[in-house]
Amino acid sequence: MKTILELNTGLFPDAQTVTAALRQMEPAHRVESIDLRRRGMEDEAWDRAIAAILSSDLTITI
């Protein structure tokens, strides 16, 4: 089982399609999602995002 990380930046125009495809992969893989669009993210939230990137097998930025 791979860990797949979805980073939502709000910059990818067809993000809904990618997100839907990732949801279909959930039975076979662990899919995590982090929303980076939030304003005023604290340092702790950024630290968690970096830790998730480093520990994932695949990171998809949308």
Protein backbone atom coordinates (compact mmCIF):
# COMPACT_ATOMS: atom_id res chain seq x y z
CA MET A 1 0.00 0.00 0.00
CA LYS A 2 1.43 3.36 -1.05
CA THR A 3 0.81 6.68 0.63
CA ILE A 4 -0.38 9.27 -1.88
CA LEU A 5 -0.46 12.91 -0.83
CA GLU A 6 -2.70 15.42 -2.59
CA LEU A 7 -1.62 19.04 -2.13
CA ASN A 8 -4.43 21.38 -3.08
CA THR A 9 -2.99 24.73 -4.18
CA GLY A 10 -5.99 25.92 -6.17
CA LEU A 11 -3.78 26.37 -9.25
CA PHE A 12 -4.82 23.29 -11.28
CA PRO A 13 -7.94 23.96 -13.38
CA ASP A 14 -9.22 20.35 -13.43
CA ALA A 15 -8.58 19.52 -9.78
CA GLN A 16 -11.99 17.88 -9.34
CA THR A 17 -11.13 15.16 -11.86
CA VAL A 18 -7.82 14.38 -10.17
CA THR A 19 -9.45 14.37 -6.73
CA ALA A 20 -12.16 11.99 -7.96
CA ALA A 21 -9.52 9.64 -9.39
CA LEU A 22 -7.61 9.68 -6.12
CA ARG A 23 -10.78 8.80 -4.18
CA GLN A 24 -11.19 5.72 -6.38
CA MET A 25 -7.66 4.65 -5.39
CA GLU A 26 -8.43 4.76 -1.65
CA PRO A 27 -9.23 1.04 -1.31
CA ALA A 28 -5.75 0.13 -2.58
CA HIS A 29 -3.72 3.07 -1.28
CA ARG A 30 -3.67 5.49 1.61
CA VAL A 31 -4.67 8.89 0.18
CA GLU A 32 -4.11 12.02 2.25
CA SER A 33 -5.12 15.54 1.29
CA ILE A 34 -3.78 18.87 2.49
CA ASP A 35 -5.41 22.16 1.52
CA LEU A 36 -2.70 24.79 1.08
CA ARG A 37 -5.18 27.47 -0.06
CA ARG A 38 -5.92 28.61 3.47
CA ARG A 39 -4.65 32.04 4.29
CA GLY A 40 -2.71 32.61 7.44
CA MET A 41 -1.44 29.07 7.84
CA GLU A 42 0.65 28.83 10.97
CA ASP A 43 4.18 27.43 11.04
CA GLU A 44 2.87 24.21 12.61
CA ALA A 45 0.55 23.62 9.64
CA TRP A 46 3.43 24.14 7.21
CA ASP A 47 5.59 21.78 9.28
CA ARG A 48 2.86 19.10 9.05
CA ALA A 49 2.64 19.64 5.28
CA ILE A 50 6.40 19.23 4.87
CA ALA A 51 6.41 16.11 7.05
CA ALA A 52 3.59 14.65 4.94
CA ILE A 53 5.50 15.39 1.72
CA LEU A 54 8.63 13.73 3.04
CA SER A 55 6.78 10.63 4.24
CA SER A 56 4.59 10.09 1.16
CA ASP A 57 5.42 7.72 -1.67
CA LEU A 58 3.81 10.03 -4.23
CA THR A 59 2.86 13.70 -4.01
CA ILE A 60 0.34 15.18 -6.43
CA THR A 61 -0.03 18.96 -6.52
CA ILE A 62 -3.29 20.32 -7.85
